[in-house]
């Protein structure tokens, strides 16, 4: 598989293509350029006859994907979110879920916000025991806006989804496995070997059966598209509030945010 990317590292071996988000200096956070490269790379791997399975990872030792690049979010408006960021993420979503080949998310490190949303788009999700997961957007005055609320609720049920989204708390790997957020947890020192054993085993499978099985199961998620549209719309509206920009400023300045209270509603 060819192609050159500024924010991704790509390799293929034994019919398994690994796409690694390589922005180690930002803990592999996602900006629009990275999302655009990611959708291009995913589409290319789906079309590559030498690729049977895709593994999505993060570069370095600290993070899978730490979330969206907050530096890009600060100062933006609702139109930017819908027109630019959400559209770029939607193309990634369509490449993963609409593509015929299995995609494995390998979470070895921090997996927050948009990183967890990206993982939940994949067909199989594995975590190392050194990882940490969560949707901390509420602590910044926002909500998961690229599918997190919808896919999480489908996986864990709506009460647990509300807990995780409203509190923004961190979920450790064993709890994530018990909730069904990840398929399994492996020791950090064995993580790569265990993930690639699964990937290589999948690569020996029947392509049409895997494609159709993936397609049929994805189609069971009745109402997902409507929920995704509402999530994106309300996520965009939050860009018109003072709270979310106070949250972004506080994050960048490494301080606690000073949000409004209910008396202002």
Protein backbone atom coordinates (compact mmCIF):
# COMPACT_ATOMS: atom_id res chain seq x y z
CA UNK A 1 0.00 0.00 0.00
CA UNK A 2 1.52 3.29 -1.11
CA UNK A 3 1.08 6.86 0.01
CA UNK A 4 2.95 9.35 2.16
CA UNK A 5 1.41 11.03 5.19
CA UNK A 6 2.57 13.68 7.64
CA UNK A 7 0.57 12.44 10.64
CA UNK A 8 0.33 8.69 10.08
CA UNK A 9 2.73 5.77 10.00
CA UNK A 10 1.59 2.86 7.81
CA UNK A 11 2.99 -0.63 7.32
CA UNK A 12 1.74 -3.95 5.91
CA UNK A 13 2.91 -7.44 6.87
CA UNK A 14 1.24 -10.85 6.55
CA UNK A 15 -1.93 -9.28 5.06
CA UNK A 16 -2.35 -6.95 8.05
CA UNK A 17 -2.05 -3.19 7.48
CA UNK A 18 -1.26 -1.10 10.54
CA UNK A 19 -2.29 2.56 10.49
CA UNK A 20 -0.76 4.46 13.39
CA UNK A 21 -1.69 8.03 14.32
CA UNK A 22 1.75 9.58 14.74
CA UNK A 23 1.43 12.93 16.54
CA UNK A 24 3.33 11.94 19.64
CA UNK A 25 4.00 15.56 20.64
CA UNK A 26 0.22 16.07 21.10
CA UNK A 27 -0.45 12.56 22.46
CA UNK A 28 -1.82 11.68 19.00
CA UNK A 29 -4.64 14.21 19.14
CA UNK A 30 -6.85 14.57 16.07
CA UNK A 31 -6.95 17.69 13.92
CA UNK A 32 -8.64 18.03 10.54
CA UNK A 33 -5.45 17.30 8.60
CA UNK A 34 -4.95 14.05 10.52
CA UNK A 35 -8.58 13.02 10.02
CA UNK A 36 -8.32 13.70 6.28
CA UNK A 37 -5.17 11.59 6.05
CA UNK A 38 -6.80 8.87 8.11
CA UNK A 39 -9.85 8.55 5.86
CA UNK A 40 -7.57 8.48 2.79
CA UNK A 41 -5.37 5.77 4.31
CA UNK A 42 -8.34 3.68 5.43
CA UNK A 43 -9.94 3.85 1.97
CA UNK A 44 -6.64 2.86 0.36
CA UNK A 45 -6.21 -0.12 2.69
CA UNK A 46 -9.77 -1.24 2.01
CA UNK A 47 -8.93 -1.23 -1.72
CA UNK A 48 -5.50 -2.84 -1.33
CA UNK A 49 -5.56 -6.53 -2.43
CA UNK A 50 -2.58 -7.23 -0.16
CA UNK A 51 -4.56 -6.14 2.92
CA UNK A 52 -7.08 -8.44 4.63
CA UNK A 53 -7.28 -6.79 8.07
CA UNK A 54 -6.55 -3.28 9.38
CA UNK A 55 -5.13 -2.43 12.79
CA UNK A 56 -5.53 1.14 14.03
CA UNK A 57 -3.02 2.24 16.67
CA UNK A 58 -1.32 5.29 18.17
CA UNK A 59 2.34 6.16 17.95
CA UNK A 60 4.61 6.32 20.98
CA UNK A 61 4.08 4.76 24.40
CA UNK A 62 1.59 7.17 25.94
CA UNK A 63 -1.62 7.27 23.92
CA UNK A 64 -3.83 5.61 21.34
CA UNK A 65 -5.52 8.93 20.60
CA UNK A 66 -5.90 11.44 23.44
CA UNK A 67 -8.86 13.16 21.78
CA UNK A 68 -9.42 16.12 19.48
CA UNK A 69 -6.76 18.80 19.25
CA UNK A 70 -8.17 21.37 21.69
CA UNK A 71 -5.85 24.02 20.30
CA UNK A 72 -7.78 23.79 17.03
CA UNK A 73 -11.17 23.88 18.78
CA UNK A 74 -10.57 27.02 20.83
CA UNK A 75 -12.18 30.07 19.20
CA UNK A 76 -14.15 28.09 16.61
CA UNK A 77 -17.91 28.30 16.04
CA UNK A 78 -20.75 25.89 15.32
CA UNK A 79 -20.38 26.22 11.55
CA UNK A 80 -16.74 25.18 11.74
CA UNK A 81 -17.65 22.16 13.84
CA UNK A 82 -20.32 20.91 11.43
CA UNK A 83 -18.74 21.96 8.13
CA UNK A 84 -15.11 21.08 8.84
CA UNK A 85 -14.44 18.90 11.88
CA UNK A 86 -17.56 16.73 11.90
CA UNK A 87 -17.42 16.25 8.13
CA UNK A 88 -13.78 15.14 8.31
CA UNK A 89 -14.59 12.69 11.11
CA UNK A 90 -17.64 11.46 9.21
CA UNK A 91 -15.39 10.44 6.31
CA UNK A 92 -13.30 8.36 8.73
CA UNK A 93 -16.47 6.82 10.12
CA UNK A 94 -17.69 5.89 6.64
CA UNK A 95 -14.31 4.43 5.70
CA UNK A 96 -14.28 2.16 8.77
CA UNK A 97 -17.93 1.14 8.97
CA UNK A 98 -18.62 1.17 5.24
CA UNK A 99 -15.44 -0.67 4.30
CA UNK A 100 -15.63 -4.44 3.82
CA UNK A 101 -12.53 -5.43 5.83
CA UNK A 102 -12.29 -5.88 9.62
CA UNK A 103 -10.74 -2.97 11.52
CA UNK A 104 -9.17 -3.57 14.93
CA UNK A 105 -8.58 -0.69 17.35
CA UNK A 106 -5.52 -1.40 19.51
CA UNK A 107 -5.66 0.85 22.58
CA UNK A 108 -2.30 0.98 24.32
CA UNK A 109 -2.44 4.15 26.41
CA UNK A 110 -4.72 7.16 26.82
CA UNK A 111 -7.95 6.90 24.81
CA UNK A 112 -10.14 9.89 25.54
CA UNK A 113 -12.89 11.83 23.76
CA UNK A 114 -12.50 11.62 20.00
CA UNK A 115 -10.00 8.80 20.47
CA UNK A 116 -12.62 6.62 22.13
CA UNK A 117 -15.18 7.68 19.53
CA UNK A 118 -12.73 6.55 16.85
CA UNK A 119 -12.18 3.22 18.61
CA UNK A 120 -15.91 2.53 18.93
CA UNK A 121 -16.29 2.90 15.15
CA UNK A 122 -14.01 -0.11 14.71
CA UNK A 123 -15.12 -3.74 14.47
CA UNK A 124 -13.01 -5.08 17.33
CA UNK A 125 -11.42 -3.16 20.20
CA UNK A 126 -8.59 -4.42 22.43
CA UNK A 127 -6.92 -2.56 25.28
CA UNK A 128 -3.67 -3.03 27.16
CA UNK A 129 -3.78 -3.00 30.94
CA UNK A 130 -1.82 0.28 30.74
CA UNK A 131 -4.64 2.09 28.93
CA UNK A 132 -7.27 4.51 30.23
CA UNK A 133 -10.55 5.37 28.49
CA UNK A 134 -13.27 7.96 28.83
CA UNK A 135 -15.37 10.81 27.52
CA UNK A 136 -14.15 13.88 29.47
CA UNK A 137 -15.94 16.40 27.22
CA UNK A 138 -18.39 17.47 29.94
CA UNK A 139 -15.42 18.74 31.95
CA UNK A 140 -14.70 21.11 29.06
CA UNK A 141 -18.31 22.20 28.63
CA UNK A 142 -18.99 19.88 25.69
CA UNK A 143 -20.37 16.47 24.76
CA UNK A 144 -18.97 13.67 22.59
CA UNK A 145 -19.94 14.99 19.16
CA UNK A 146 -18.81 12.41 16.61
CA UNK A 147 -20.78 9.33 17.63
CA UNK A 148 -19.70 8.74 21.20
CA UNK A 149 -23.07 9.21 22.89
CA UNK A 150 -24.82 6.94 20.40
CA UNK A 151 -22.36 4.06 20.18
CA UNK A 152 -21.71 4.09 23.91
CA UNK A 153 -25.42 3.86 24.71
CA UNK A 154 -25.82 0.96 22.28
CA UNK A 155 -22.95 -0.88 23.97
CA UNK A 156 -23.46 -0.20 27.68
CA UNK A 157 -27.13 0.86 27.94
CA UNK A 158 -28.47 4.34 28.37
CA UNK A 159 -28.12 4.63 32.18
CA UNK A 160 -24.43 3.72 32.21
CA UNK A 161 -23.86 5.86 29.11
CA UNK A 162 -25.37 8.86 30.91
CA UNK A 163 -23.10 8.22 33.90
CA UNK A 164 -19.96 8.10 31.79
CA UNK A 165 -20.87 11.08 29.59
CA UNK A 166 -22.20 13.34 32.35
CA UNK A 167 -19.39 12.67 34.84
CA UNK A 168 -16.60 12.42 32.28
CA UNK A 169 -14.84 9.96 34.55
CA UNK A 170 -11.98 7.75 33.45
CA UNK A 171 -12.70 4.06 32.86
CA UNK A 172 -9.90 1.61 33.49
CA UNK A 173 -9.41 -1.36 31.13
CA UNK A 174 -10.99 -4.14 33.21
CA UNK A 175 -14.15 -2.09 33.74
CA UNK A 176 -14.21 -1.24 30.04
CA UNK A 177 -14.10 -4.96 29.25
CA UNK A 178 -16.87 -5.74 31.75
CA UNK A 179 -19.06 -3.07 30.15
CA UNK A 180 -18.36 -4.33 26.63
CA UNK A 181 -16.52 -1.18 25.55
CA UNK A 182 -13.51 -3.33 24.64
CA UNK A 183 -13.47 -6.97 23.57
CA UNK A 184 -10.57 -7.93 25.83
CA UNK A 185 -7.66 -6.61 27.88
CA UNK A 186 -4.10 -7.91 27.50
CA UNK A 187 -0.98 -7.33 29.62
CA UNK A 188 1.00 -4.40 28.28
CA UNK A 189 4.12 -6.49 27.65
CA UNK A 190 2.08 -8.96 25.57
CA UNK A 191 -0.25 -6.50 23.93
CA UNK A 192 1.17 -6.25 20.41
CA UNK A 193 1.67 -10.00 20.11
CA UNK A 194 -1.87 -10.76 21.25
CA UNK A 195 -3.48 -8.17 18.96
CA UNK A 196 -1.52 -9.29 15.90
CA UNK A 197 -2.26 -12.96 16.62
CA UNK A 198 -5.95 -12.03 16.36
CA UNK A 199 -5.36 -9.90 13.24
CA UNK A 200 -3.42 -12.64 11.45
CA UNK A 201 -6.07 -15.18 12.34
CA UNK A 202 -8.76 -12.90 10.91
CA UNK A 203 -6.65 -12.47 7.77
CA UNK A 204 -7.06 -16.20 7.02
CA UNK A 205 -10.87 -15.91 7.07
CA UNK A 206 -13.35 -15.84 4.21
CA UNK A 207 -13.50 -12.23 2.91
CA UNK A 208 -17.12 -12.22 1.78
CA UNK A 209 -18.32 -13.80 5.02
CA UNK A 210 -16.46 -11.19 7.07
CA UNK A 211 -17.74 -8.34 4.92
CA UNK A 212 -21.36 -9.48 5.01
CA UNK A 213 -21.21 -10.33 8.72
CA UNK A 214 -19.88 -6.86 9.49
CA UNK A 215 -22.53 -5.24 7.29
CA UNK A 216 -25.46 -7.16 8.75
CA UNK A 217 -24.47 -6.49 12.37
CA UNK A 218 -23.95 -2.78 11.65
CA UNK A 219 -27.44 -2.64 10.17
CA UNK A 220 -28.98 -3.81 13.46
CA UNK A 221 -28.32 -0.39 15.01
CA UNK A 222 -31.73 1.04 14.24
CA UNK A 223 -31.96 4.79 14.77
CA UNK A 224 -28.19 5.35 14.84
CA UNK A 225 -28.16 7.83 11.95
CA UNK A 226 -30.89 9.95 13.55
CA UNK A 227 -29.02 9.93 16.84
CA UNK A 228 -25.75 10.87 15.17
CA UNK A 229 -27.40 13.82 13.45
CA UNK A 230 -28.89 15.12 16.72
CA UNK A 231 -25.61 14.61 18.55
CA UNK A 232 -23.72 16.59 15.91
CA UNK A 233 -26.32 19.36 15.91
CA UNK A 234 -26.31 19.80 19.68
CA UNK A 235 -22.54 19.46 19.78
CA UNK A 236 -22.36 22.33 17.32
CA UNK A 237 -24.77 24.47 19.36
CA UNK A 238 -22.42 24.17 22.33
CA UNK A 239 -19.82 26.12 20.35
CA UNK A 240 -22.12 29.13 20.74
CA UNK A 241 -21.98 28.94 24.56
CA UNK A 242 -19.46 30.66 26.83
CA UNK A 243 -18.93 27.48 28.82
CA UNK A 244 -17.26 25.46 26.08
CA UNK A 245 -14.77 28.20 25.25
CA UNK A 246 -14.05 28.68 28.96
CA UNK A 247 -13.44 24.92 29.07
CA UNK A 248 -11.03 25.09 26.15
CA UNK A 249 -9.19 28.07 27.67
CA UNK A 250 -8.91 26.33 31.02
CA UNK A 251 -7.56 23.17 29.37
CA UNK A 252 -4.92 25.10 27.44
CA UNK A 253 -4.01 27.16 30.51
CA UNK A 254 -3.96 24.05 32.73
CA UNK A 255 -6.46 25.34 35.28
CA UNK A 256 -9.96 24.48 36.48
CA UNK A 257 -12.75 26.01 34.36
CA UNK A 258 -15.18 28.57 35.79
CA UNK A 259 -18.48 27.48 34.24
CA UNK A 260 -21.85 29.25 34.46
CA UNK A 261 -24.47 27.88 36.87
CA UNK A 262 -28.15 27.02 36.59
CA UNK A 263 -29.21 30.45 37.83
CA UNK A 264 -28.09 31.88 34.48
CA UNK A 265 -30.54 29.71 32.49
